[in-house]
Amino acid sequence: MEGAISSTNGNGEAHAPADGEALELRETFVVETTDGREIEFEVVGIVEDEDKTTYAICYSEGEDEFVVSDATGNLLSNEALAQEILDDFFALAEEADGDETEEKP
């Protein structure tokens, strides 16, 4: 399911760190789905849009799916926006990977 927002996005509740502080890379949090499952996600990327709004790109290895949250771990309810942020994140990651490949002799 790489590159697609999971159905968990907008249909579950994130249990973000209790202190309300911004998520950091490699930090984990749990999303409880409407059917009662709990899925652990790890922050794999932090991005900021042109309005200086910060988003966290989060990945669940067990479920092999991505979600996008705000800086404090609240899942985005706007799935189109979440997909756009995720697409941009993948494009940037692909560019960075290409740059690394070109530098190697």
PDB file of N, CA and C in Angstrom:
ATOM      1  N   MET A   1       0.822  -1.178   0.000  1.00  0.00           N
ATOM      2  CA  MET A   1       0.000   0.000   0.000  1.00  0.00           C
ATOM      3  C   MET A   1       0.873   1.252   0.000  1.00  0.00           C
ATOM      4  N   GLU A   2       2.093   1.163  -0.394  1.00  0.00           N
ATOM      5  CA  GLU A   2       3.013   2.289  -0.381  1.00  0.00           C
ATOM      6  C   GLU A   2       2.451   3.447  -1.179  1.00  0.00           C
ATOM      7  N   GLY A   3       2.546   4.629  -0.574  1.00  0.00           N
ATOM      8  CA  GLY A   3       2.124   5.831  -1.272  1.00  0.00           C
ATOM      9  C   GLY A   3       0.659   6.167  -1.118  1.00  0.00           C
ATOM     10  N   ALA A   4      -0.097   5.376  -0.390  1.00  0.00           N
ATOM     11  CA  ALA A   4      -1.516   5.663  -0.237  1.00  0.00           C
ATOM     12  C   ALA A   4      -1.847   5.889   1.230  1.00  0.00           C
ATOM     13  N   ILE A   5      -2.732   6.830   1.464  1.00  0.00           N
ATOM     14  CA  ILE A   5      -3.200   7.069   2.819  1.00  0.00           C
ATOM     15  C   ILE A   5      -4.125   5.919   3.186  1.00  0.00           C
ATOM     16  N   SER A   6      -3.948   5.418   4.371  1.00  0.00           N
ATOM     17  CA  SER A   6      -4.760   4.289   4.800  1.00  0.00           C
ATOM     18  C   SER A   6      -6.161   4.736   5.171  1.00  0.00           C
ATOM     19  N   SER A   7      -7.049   3.777   5.266  1.00  0.00           N
ATOM     20  CA  SER A   7      -8.405   4.089   5.682  1.00  0.00           C
ATOM     21  C   SER A   7      -8.447   4.480   7.151  1.00  0.00           C
ATOM     22  N   THR A   8      -7.356   4.266   7.868  1.00  0.00           N
ATOM     23  CA  THR A   8      -7.289   4.686   9.255  1.00  0.00           C
ATOM     24  C   THR A   8      -7.354   6.207   9.347  1.00  0.00           C
ATOM     25  N   ASN A   9      -6.807   6.900   8.345  1.00  0.00           N
ATOM     26  CA  ASN A   9      -6.770   8.354   8.361  1.00  0.00           C
ATOM     27  C   ASN A   9      -8.185   8.906   8.375  1.00  0.00           C
ATOM     28  N   GLY A  10      -8.492   9.702   9.389  1.00  0.00           N
ATOM     29  CA  GLY A  10      -9.819  10.281   9.500  1.00  0.00           C
ATOM     30  C   GLY A  10     -10.830   9.351  10.128  1.00  0.00           C
ATOM     31  N   ASN A  11     -10.504   8.076  10.279  1.00  0.00           N
ATOM     32  CA  ASN A  11     -11.428   7.115  10.854  1.00  0.00           C
ATOM     33  C   ASN A  11     -10.956   6.578  12.188  1.00  0.00           C
ATOM     34  N   GLY A  12      -9.924   7.182  12.730  1.00  0.00           N
ATOM     35  CA  GLY A  12      -9.392   6.716  13.996  1.00  0.00           C
ATOM     36  C   GLY A  12      -8.979   7.886  14.844  1.00  0.00           C
ATOM     37  N   GLU A  13      -8.513   7.571  16.024  1.00  0.00           N
ATOM     38  CA  GLU A  13      -8.095   8.607  16.957  1.00  0.00           C
ATOM     39  C   GLU A  13      -6.660   8.343  17.355  1.00  0.00           C
ATOM     40  N   ALA A  14      -5.824   9.346  17.209  1.00  0.00           N
ATOM     41  CA  ALA A  14      -4.427   9.204  17.582  1.00  0.00           C
ATOM     42  C   ALA A  14      -4.267   9.484  19.058  1.00  0.00           C
ATOM     43  N   HIS A  15      -3.504   8.646  19.706  1.00  0.00           N
ATOM     44  CA  HIS A  15      -3.145   8.875  21.102  1.00  0.00           C
ATOM     45  C   HIS A  15      -1.731   9.418  21.098  1.00  0.00           C
ATOM     46  N   ALA A  16      -1.629  10.709  20.896  1.00  0.00           N
ATOM     47  CA  ALA A  16      -0.332  11.368  20.781  1.00  0.00           C
ATOM     48  C   ALA A  16       0.280  11.532  22.167  1.00  0.00           C
ATOM     49  N   PRO A  17       1.542  11.900  22.213  1.00  0.00           N
ATOM     50  CA  PRO A  17       2.187  12.126  23.504  1.00  0.00           C
ATOM     51  C   PRO A  17       1.352  13.066  24.367  1.00  0.00           C
ATOM     52  N   ALA A  18       1.212  12.735  25.614  1.00  0.00           N
ATOM     53  CA  ALA A  18       0.318  13.453  26.519  1.00  0.00           C
ATOM     54  C   ALA A  18       0.721  14.908  26.749  1.00  0.00           C
ATOM     55  N   ASP A  19       1.970  15.240  26.556  1.00  0.00           N
ATOM     56  CA  ASP A  19       2.422  16.598  26.841  1.00  0.00           C
ATOM     57  C   ASP A  19       2.025  17.605  25.771  1.00  0.00           C
ATOM     58  N   GLY A  20       1.492  17.154  24.636  1.00  0.00           N
ATOM     59  CA  GLY A  20       1.046  18.051  23.578  1.00  0.00           C
ATOM     60  C   GLY A  20       2.174  18.710  22.803  1.00  0.00           C
ATOM     61  N   GLU A  21       3.397  18.284  23.037  1.00  0.00           N
ATOM     62  CA  GLU A  21       4.531  18.852  22.317  1.00  0.00           C
ATOM     63  C   GLU A  21       4.610  18.262  20.918  1.00  0.00           C
ATOM     64  N   ALA A  22       5.355  18.945  20.064  1.00  0.00           N
ATOM     65  CA  ALA A  22       5.502  18.508  18.679  1.00  0.00           C
ATOM     66  C   ALA A  22       6.171  17.140  18.601  1.00  0.00           C
ATOM     67  N   LEU A  23       5.690  16.344  17.675  1.00  0.00           N
ATOM     68  CA  LEU A  23       6.304  15.045  17.417  1.00  0.00           C
ATOM     69  C   LEU A  23       7.697  15.240  16.827  1.00  0.00           C
ATOM     70  N   GLU A  24       8.558  14.281  17.074  1.00  0.00           N
ATOM     71  CA  GLU A  24       9.901  14.319  16.527  1.00  0.00           C
ATOM     72  C   GLU A  24      10.137  13.060  15.706  1.00  0.00           C
ATOM     73  N   LEU A  25      11.134  13.118  14.827  1.00  0.00           N
ATOM     74  CA  LEU A  25      11.492  11.939  14.034  1.00  0.00           C
ATOM     75  C   LEU A  25      11.739  10.759  14.950  1.00  0.00           C
ATOM     76  N   ARG A  26      11.311   9.596  14.508  1.00  0.00           N
ATOM     77  CA  ARG A  26      11.462   8.321  15.183  1.00  0.00           C
ATOM     78  C   ARG A  26      10.554   8.140  16.400  1.00  0.00           C
ATOM     79  N   GLU A  27       9.785   9.160  16.743  1.00  0.00           N
ATOM     80  CA  GLU A  27       8.836   9.044  17.847  1.00  0.00           C
ATOM     81  C   GLU A  27       7.672   8.171  17.392  1.00  0.00           C
ATOM     82  N   THR A  28       7.086   7.439  18.304  1.00  0.00           N
ATOM     83  CA  THR A  28       5.952   6.586  17.953  1.00  0.00           C
ATOM     84  C   THR A  28       4.700   7.030  18.701  1.00  0.00           C
ATOM     85  N   PHE A  29       3.563   6.740  18.104  1.00  0.00           N
ATOM     86  CA  PHE A  29       2.281   6.954  18.763  1.00  0.00           C
ATOM     87  C   PHE A  29       1.304   5.913  18.236  1.00  0.00           C
ATOM     88  N   VAL A  30       0.183   5.774  18.937  1.00  0.00           N
ATOM     89  CA  VAL A  30      -0.790   4.735  18.614  1.00  0.00           C
ATOM     90  C   VAL A  30      -2.068   5.375  18.096  1.00  0.00           C
ATOM     91  N   VAL A  31      -2.607   4.781  17.039  1.00  0.00           N
ATOM     92  CA  VAL A  31      -3.894   5.192  16.498  1.00  0.00           C
ATOM     93  C   VAL A  31      -4.890   4.093  16.827  1.00  0.00           C
ATOM     94  N   GLU A  32      -5.987   4.489  17.455  1.00  0.00           N
ATOM     95  CA  GLU A  32      -7.055   3.539  17.732  1.00  0.00           C
ATOM     96  C   GLU A  32      -8.111   3.696  16.647  1.00  0.00           C
ATOM     97  N   THR A  33      -8.374   2.625  15.912  1.00  0.00           N
ATOM     98  CA  THR A  33      -9.338   2.681  14.816  1.00  0.00           C
ATOM     99  C   THR A  33     -10.751   2.557  15.350  1.00  0.00           C
ATOM    100  N   THR A  34     -11.716   2.876  14.510  1.00  0.00           N
ATOM    101  CA  THR A  34     -13.114   2.806  14.931  1.00  0.00           C
ATOM    102  C   THR A  34     -13.549   1.379  15.242  1.00  0.00           C
ATOM    103  N   ASP A  35     -12.811   0.383  14.713  1.00  0.00           N
ATOM    104  CA  ASP A  35     -13.156  -1.006  15.022  1.00  0.00           C
ATOM    105  C   ASP A  35     -12.388  -1.538  16.234  1.00  0.00           C
ATOM    106  N   GLY A  36     -11.715  -0.624  16.965  1.00  0.00           N
ATOM    107  CA  GLY A  36     -11.061  -1.006  18.214  1.00  0.00           C
ATOM    108  C   GLY A  36      -9.618  -1.474  18.105  1.00  0.00           C
ATOM    109  N   ARG A  37      -9.075  -1.558  16.877  1.00  0.00           N
ATOM    110  CA  ARG A  37      -7.665  -1.963  16.735  1.00  0.00           C
ATOM    111  C   ARG A  37      -6.768  -0.803  17.128  1.00  0.00           C
ATOM    112  N   GLU A  38      -5.584  -1.128  17.613  1.00  0.00           N
ATOM    113  CA  GLU A  38      -4.580  -0.115  17.904  1.00  0.00           C
ATOM    114  C   GLU A  38      -3.388  -0.360  16.997  1.00  0.00           C
ATOM    115  N   ILE A  39      -2.977   0.682  16.265  1.00  0.00           N
ATOM    116  CA  ILE A  39      -1.887   0.575  15.309  1.00  0.00           C
ATOM    117  C   ILE A  39      -0.807   1.563  15.710  1.00  0.00           C
ATOM    118  N   GLU A  40       0.416   1.061  15.842  1.00  0.00           N
ATOM    119  CA  GLU A  40       1.535   1.927  16.201  1.00  0.00           C
ATOM    120  C   GLU A  40       2.165   2.506  14.939  1.00  0.00           C
ATOM    121  N   PHE A  41       2.393   3.815  14.956  1.00  0.00           N
ATOM    122  CA  PHE A  41       3.028   4.521  13.858  1.00  0.00           C
ATOM    123  C   PHE A  41       4.300   5.190  14.353  1.00  0.00           C
ATOM    124  N   GLU A  42       5.297   5.242  13.472  1.00  0.00           N
ATOM    125  CA  GLU A  42       6.543   5.944  13.762  1.00  0.00           C
ATOM    126  C   GLU A  42       6.650   7.143  12.837  1.00  0.00           C
ATOM    127  N   VAL A  43       7.088   8.272  13.384  1.00  0.00           N
ATOM    128  CA  VAL A  43       7.290   9.468  12.578  1.00  0.00           C
ATOM    129  C   VAL A  43       8.538   9.254  11.723  1.00  0.00           C
ATOM    130  N   VAL A  44       8.346   9.254  10.394  1.00  0.00           N
ATOM    131  CA  VAL A  44       9.458   9.030   9.463  1.00  0.00           C
ATOM    132  C   VAL A  44       9.823  10.290   8.697  1.00  0.00           C
ATOM    133  N   GLY A  45       9.031  11.337   8.854  1.00  0.00           N
ATOM    134  CA  GLY A  45       9.331  12.588   8.186  1.00  0.00           C
ATOM    135  C   GLY A  45       8.555  13.736   8.796  1.00  0.00           C
ATOM    136  N   ILE A  46       9.170  14.899   8.786  1.00  0.00           N
ATOM    137  CA  ILE A  46       8.523  16.132   9.228  1.00  0.00           C
ATOM    138  C   ILE A  46       8.603  17.096   8.049  1.00  0.00           C
ATOM    139  N   VAL A  47       7.462  17.636   7.631  1.00  0.00           N
ATOM    140  CA  VAL A  47       7.437  18.570   6.513  1.00  0.00           C
ATOM    141  C   VAL A  47       6.707  19.841   6.930  1.00  0.00           C
ATOM    142  N   GLU A  48       7.007  20.909   6.201  1.00  0.00           N
ATOM    143  CA  GLU A  48       6.371  22.190   6.480  1.00  0.00           C
ATOM    144  C   GLU A  48       5.902  22.771   5.156  1.00  0.00           C
ATOM    145  N   ASP A  49       4.670  23.282   5.137  1.00  0.00           N
ATOM    146  CA  ASP A  49       4.169  23.875   3.897  1.00  0.00           C
ATOM    147  C   ASP A  49       4.546  25.348   3.820  1.00  0.00           C
ATOM    148  N   GLU A  50       4.130  26.002   2.740  1.00  0.00           N
ATOM    149  CA  GLU A  50       4.508  27.395   2.529  1.00  0.00           C
ATOM    150  C   GLU A  50       3.911  28.329   3.577  1.00  0.00           C
ATOM    151  N   ASP A  51       2.875  27.891   4.277  1.00  0.00           N
ATOM    152  CA  ASP A  51       2.271  28.684   5.347  1.00  0.00           C
ATOM    153  C   ASP A  51       2.907  28.399   6.709  1.00  0.00           C
ATOM    154  N   LYS A  52       3.994  27.643   6.696  1.00  0.00           N
ATOM    155  CA  LYS A  52       4.738  27.285   7.920  1.00  0.00           C
ATOM    156  C   LYS A  52       3.960  26.334   8.830  1.00  0.00           C
ATOM    157  N   THR A  53       3.001  25.598   8.261  1.00  0.00           N
ATOM    158  CA  THR A  53       2.282  24.573   9.017  1.00  0.00           C
ATOM    159  C   THR A  53       3.094  23.291   8.950  1.00  0.00           C
ATOM    160  N   THR A  54       3.313  22.666  10.093  1.00  0.00           N
ATOM    161  CA  THR A  54       4.142  21.465  10.168  1.00  0.00           C
ATOM    162  C   THR A  54       3.266  20.215  10.196  1.00  0.00           C
ATOM    163  N   TYR A  55       3.695  19.199   9.448  1.00  0.00           N
ATOM    164  CA  TYR A  55       2.998  17.919   9.404  1.00  0.00           C
ATOM    165  C   TYR A  55       4.001  16.796   9.660  1.00  0.00           C
ATOM    166  N   ALA A  56       3.514  15.711  10.229  1.00  0.00           N
ATOM    167  CA  ALA A  56       4.346  14.532  10.464  1.00  0.00           C
ATOM    168  C   ALA A  56       3.889  13.419   9.523  1.00  0.00           C
ATOM    169  N   ILE A  57       4.852  12.818   8.831  1.00  0.00           N
ATOM    170  CA  ILE A  57       4.585  11.650   7.990  1.00  0.00           C
ATOM    171  C   ILE A  57       4.880  10.445   8.865  1.00  0.00           C
ATOM    172  N   CYS A  58       3.892   9.586   9.030  1.00  0.00           N
ATOM    173  CA  CYS A  58       4.007   8.477   9.974  1.00  0.00           C
ATOM    174  C   CYS A  58       3.771   7.150   9.262  1.00  0.00           C
ATOM    175  N   TYR A  59       4.547   6.136   9.657  1.00  0.00           N
ATOM    176  CA  TYR A  59       4.485   4.843   8.990  1.00  0.00           C
ATOM    177  C   TYR A  59       4.296   3.739  10.018  1.00  0.00           C
ATOM    178  N   SER A  60       3.435   2.784   9.710  1.00  0.00           N
ATOM    179  CA  SER A  60       3.249   1.585  10.525  1.00  0.00           C
ATOM    180  C   SER A  60       3.861   0.413   9.784  1.00  0.00           C
ATOM    181  N   GLU A  61       4.938  -0.119  10.327  1.00  0.00           N
ATOM    182  CA  GLU A  61       5.594  -1.259   9.693  1.00  0.00           C
ATOM    183  C   GLU A  61       4.692  -2.487   9.712  1.00  0.00           C
ATOM    184  N   GLY A  62       3.998  -2.699  10.812  1.00  0.00           N
ATOM    185  CA  GLY A  62       3.115  -3.866  10.938  1.00  0.00           C
ATOM    186  C   GLY A  62       1.967  -3.856   9.947  1.00  0.00           C
ATOM    187  N   GLU A  63       1.435  -2.688   9.659  1.00  0.00           N
ATOM    188  CA  GLU A  63       0.315  -2.545   8.733  1.00  0.00           C
ATOM    189  C   GLU A  63       0.768  -2.147   7.335  1.00  0.00           C
ATOM    190  N   ASP A  64       2.037  -1.749   7.179  1.00  0.00           N
ATOM    191  CA  ASP A  64       2.603  -1.267   5.919  1.00  0.00           C
ATOM    192  C   ASP A  64       1.733  -0.160   5.328  1.00  0.00           C
ATOM    193  N   GLU A  65       1.493   0.879   6.155  1.00  0.00           N
ATOM    194  CA  GLU A  65       0.698   1.998   5.690  1.00  0.00           C
ATOM    195  C   GLU A  65       1.180   3.304   6.311  1.00  0.00           C
ATOM    196  N   PHE A  66       0.855   4.383   5.629  1.00  0.00           N
ATOM    197  CA  PHE A  66       1.242   5.721   6.042  1.00  0.00           C
ATOM    198  C   PHE A  66       0.014   6.512   6.454  1.00  0.00           C
ATOM    199  N   VAL A  67       0.215   7.450   7.389  1.00  0.00           N
ATOM    200  CA  VAL A  67      -0.788   8.454   7.718  1.00  0.00           C
ATOM    201  C   VAL A  67      -0.054   9.782   7.871  1.00  0.00           C
ATOM    202  N   VAL A  68      -0.814  10.862   7.808  1.00  0.00           N
ATOM    203  CA  VAL A  68      -0.255  12.195   7.996  1.00  0.00           C
ATOM    204  C   VAL A  68      -0.973  12.820   9.183  1.00  0.00           C
ATOM    205  N   SER A  69      -0.187  13.418  10.076  1.00  0.00           N
ATOM    206  CA  SER A  69      -0.771  14.085  11.236  1.00  0.00           C
ATOM    207  C   SER A  69      -0.280  15.521  11.303  1.00  0.00           C
ATOM    208  N   ASP A  70      -0.913  16.287  12.186  1.00  0.00           N
ATOM    209  CA  ASP A  70      -0.366  17.608  12.453  1.00  0.00           C
ATOM    210  C   ASP A  70       0.868  17.425  13.337  1.00  0.00           C
ATOM    211  N   ALA A  71       1.465  18.502  13.746  1.00  0.00           N
ATOM    212  CA  ALA A  71       2.724  18.434  14.489  1.00  0.00           C
ATOM    213  C   ALA A  71       2.600  17.719  15.826  1.00  0.00           C
ATOM    214  N   THR A  72       1.389  17.661  16.392  1.00  0.00           N
ATOM    215  CA  THR A  72       1.227  17.036  17.702  1.00  0.00           C
ATOM    216  C   THR A  72       0.609  15.642  17.651  1.00  0.00           C
ATOM    217  N   GLY A  73       0.397  15.098  16.435  1.00  0.00           N
ATOM    218  CA  GLY A  73      -0.073  13.725  16.316  1.00  0.00           C
ATOM    219  C   GLY A  73      -1.543  13.551  16.030  1.00  0.00           C
ATOM    220  N   ASN A  74      -2.265  14.641  15.780  1.00  0.00           N
ATOM    221  CA  ASN A  74      -3.677  14.529  15.415  1.00  0.00           C
ATOM    222  C   ASN A  74      -3.775  14.230  13.931  1.00  0.00           C
ATOM    223  N   LEU A  75      -4.431  13.126  13.585  1.00  0.00           N
ATOM    224  CA  LEU A  75      -4.557  12.747  12.181  1.00  0.00           C
ATOM    225  C   LEU A  75      -5.339  13.793  11.404  1.00  0.00           C
ATOM    226  N   LEU A  76      -4.909  14.039  10.175  1.00  0.00           N
ATOM    227  CA  LEU A  76      -5.624  14.990   9.326  1.00  0.00           C
ATOM    228  C   LEU A  76      -6.950  14.378   8.901  1.00  0.00           C
ATOM    229  N   SER A  77      -8.013  15.147   9.018  1.00  0.00           N
ATOM    230  CA  SER A  77      -9.325  14.650   8.590  1.00  0.00           C
ATOM    231  C   SER A  77      -9.540  14.881   7.103  1.00  0.00           C
ATOM    232  N   ASN A  78      -8.797  15.803   6.505  1.00  0.00           N
ATOM    233  CA  ASN A  78      -8.894  16.096   5.080  1.00  0.00           C
ATOM    234  C   ASN A  78      -7.988  15.110   4.328  1.00  0.00           C
ATOM    235  N   GLU A  79      -8.576  14.046   3.810  1.00  0.00           N
ATOM    236  CA  GLU A  79      -7.789  12.997   3.157  1.00  0.00           C
ATOM    237  C   GLU A  79      -7.090  13.490   1.895  1.00  0.00           C
ATOM    238  N   ALA A  80      -7.704  14.421   1.164  1.00  0.00           N
ATOM    239  CA  ALA A  80      -7.067  14.956  -0.049  1.00  0.00           C
ATOM    240  C   ALA A  80      -5.796  15.718   0.320  1.00  0.00           C
ATOM    241  N   LEU A  81      -5.858  16.525   1.374  1.00  0.00           N
ATOM    242  CA  LEU A  81      -4.677  17.256   1.833  1.00  0.00           C
ATOM    243  C   LEU A  81      -3.607  16.282   2.318  1.00  0.00           C
ATOM    244  N   ALA A  82      -4.015  15.282   3.073  1.00  0.00           N
ATOM    245  CA  ALA A  82      -3.067  14.289   3.576  1.00  0.00           C
ATOM    246  C   ALA A  82      -2.374  13.571   2.420  1.00  0.00           C
ATOM    247  N   GLN A  83      -3.126  13.208   1.389  1.00  0.00           N
ATOM    248  CA  GLN A  83      -2.544  12.524   0.233  1.00  0.00           C
ATOM    249  C   GLN A  83      -1.576  13.444  -0.502  1.00  0.00           C
ATOM    250  N   GLU A  84      -1.921  14.726  -0.626  1.00  0.00           N
ATOM    251  CA  GLU A  84      -1.044  15.692  -1.287  1.00  0.00           C
ATOM    252  C   GLU A  84       0.276  15.839  -0.520  1.00  0.00           C
ATOM    253  N   ILE A  85       0.192  15.921   0.794  1.00  0.00           N
ATOM    254  CA  ILE A  85       1.398  16.035   1.629  1.00  0.00           C
ATOM    255  C   ILE A  85       2.253  14.783   1.482  1.00  0.00           C
ATOM    256  N   LEU A  86       1.611  13.623   1.494  1.00  0.00           N
ATOM    257  CA  LEU A  86       2.341  12.364   1.353  1.00  0.00           C
ATOM    258  C   LEU A  86       2.992  12.256  -0.024  1.00  0.00           C
ATOM    259  N   ASP A  87       2.289  12.654  -1.073  1.00  0.00           N
ATOM    260  CA  ASP A  87       2.852  12.626  -2.430  1.00  0.00           C
ATOM    261  C   ASP A  87       4.080  13.528  -2.526  1.00  0.00           C
ATOM    262  N   ASP A  88       3.979  14.724  -1.934  1.00  0.00           N
ATOM    263  CA  ASP A  88       5.123  15.647  -1.932  1.00  0.00           C
ATOM    264  C   ASP A  88       6.299  15.058  -1.167  1.00  0.00           C
ATOM    265  N   PHE A  89       6.009  14.414  -0.047  1.00  0.00           N
ATOM    266  CA  PHE A  89       7.062  13.785   0.759  1.00  0.00           C
ATOM    267  C   PHE A  89       7.791  12.704  -0.049  1.00  0.00           C
ATOM    268  N   PHE A  90       7.028  11.860  -0.747  1.00  0.00           N
ATOM    269  CA  PHE A  90       7.643  10.809  -1.563  1.00  0.00           C
ATOM    270  C   PHE A  90       8.465  11.399  -2.712  1.00  0.00           C
ATOM    271  N   ALA A  91       7.973  12.476  -3.314  1.00  0.00           N
ATOM    272  CA  ALA A  91       8.707  13.115  -4.406  1.00  0.00           C
ATOM    273  C   ALA A  91      10.031  13.673  -3.895  1.00  0.00           C
ATOM    274  N   LEU A  92      10.022  14.322  -2.744  1.00  0.00           N
ATOM    275  CA  LEU A  92      11.253  14.850  -2.156  1.00  0.00           C
ATOM    276  C   LEU A  92      12.215  13.726  -1.790  1.00  0.00           C
ATOM    277  N   ALA A  93      11.684  12.639  -1.236  1.00  0.00           N
ATOM    278  CA  ALA A  93      12.533  11.502  -0.861  1.00  0.00           C
ATOM    279  C   ALA A  93      13.162  10.873  -2.105  1.00  0.00           C
ATOM    280  N   GLU A  94      12.394  10.809  -3.180  1.00  0.00           N
ATOM    281  CA  GLU A  94      12.905  10.243  -4.426  1.00  0.00           C
ATOM    282  C   GLU A  94      14.003  11.125  -5.006  1.00  0.00           C
ATOM    283  N   GLU A  95      13.810  12.444  -4.951  1.00  0.00           N
ATOM    284  CA  GLU A  95      14.835  13.379  -5.423  1.00  0.00           C
ATOM    285  C   GLU A  95      16.111  13.231  -4.609  1.00  0.00           C
ATOM    286  N   ALA A  96      15.975  13.153  -3.299  1.00  0.00           N
ATOM    287  CA  ALA A  96      17.142  13.019  -2.418  1.00  0.00           C
ATOM    288  C   ALA A  96      17.864  11.708  -2.694  1.00  0.00           C
ATOM    289  N   ASP A  97      17.112  10.642  -2.937  1.00  0.00           N
ATOM    290  CA  ASP A  97      17.714   9.341  -3.240  1.00  0.00           C
ATOM    291  C   ASP A  97      18.464   9.408  -4.566  1.00  0.00           C
ATOM    292  N   GLY A  98      17.906  10.096  -5.540  1.00  0.00           N
ATOM    293  CA  GLY A  98      18.559  10.257  -6.837  1.00  0.00           C
ATOM    294  C   GLY A  98      19.835  11.065  -6.733  1.00  0.00           C
ATOM    295  N   ASP A  99      19.836  12.097  -5.895  1.00  0.00           N
ATOM    296  CA  ASP A  99      21.026  12.909  -5.685  1.00  0.00           C
ATOM    297  C   ASP A  99      22.160  12.089  -5.078  1.00  0.00           C
ATOM    298  N   GLU A 100      21.830  11.214  -4.118  1.00  0.00           N
ATOM    299  CA  GLU A 100      22.830  10.370  -3.473  1.00  0.00           C
ATOM    300  C   GLU A 100      23.422   9.387  -4.461  1.00  0.00           C
ATOM    301  N   THR A 101      22.600   8.832  -5.338  1.00  0.00           N
ATOM    302  CA  THR A 101      23.047   7.865  -6.325  1.00  0.00           C
ATOM    303  C   THR A 101      23.999   8.527  -7.323  1.00  0.00           C
ATOM    304  N   GLU A 102      23.699   9.757  -7.734  1.00  0.00           N
ATOM    305  CA  GLU A 102      24.531  10.467  -8.692  1.00  0.00           C
ATOM    306  C   GLU A 102      25.904  10.809  -8.131  1.00  0.00           C
ATOM    307  N   GLU A 103      26.005  11.034  -6.811  1.00  0.00           N
ATOM    308  CA  GLU A 103      27.268  11.411  -6.199  1.00  0.00           C
ATOM    309  C   GLU A 103      28.239  10.257  -6.075  1.00  0.00           C
ATOM    310  N   LYS A 104      27.742   9.028  -6.071  1.00  0.00           N
ATOM    311  CA  LYS A 104      28.624   7.875  -5.909  1.00  0.00           C
ATOM    312  C   LYS A 104      29.351   7.576  -7.209  1.00  0.00           C
ATOM    313  N   PRO A 105      30.680   7.342  -7.135  1.00  0.00           N
ATOM    314  CA  PRO A 105      31.439   7.056  -8.365  1.00  0.00           C
ATOM    315  C   PRO A 105      31.164   5.673  -8.907  1.00  0.00           C
TER     316      PRO A 105
END
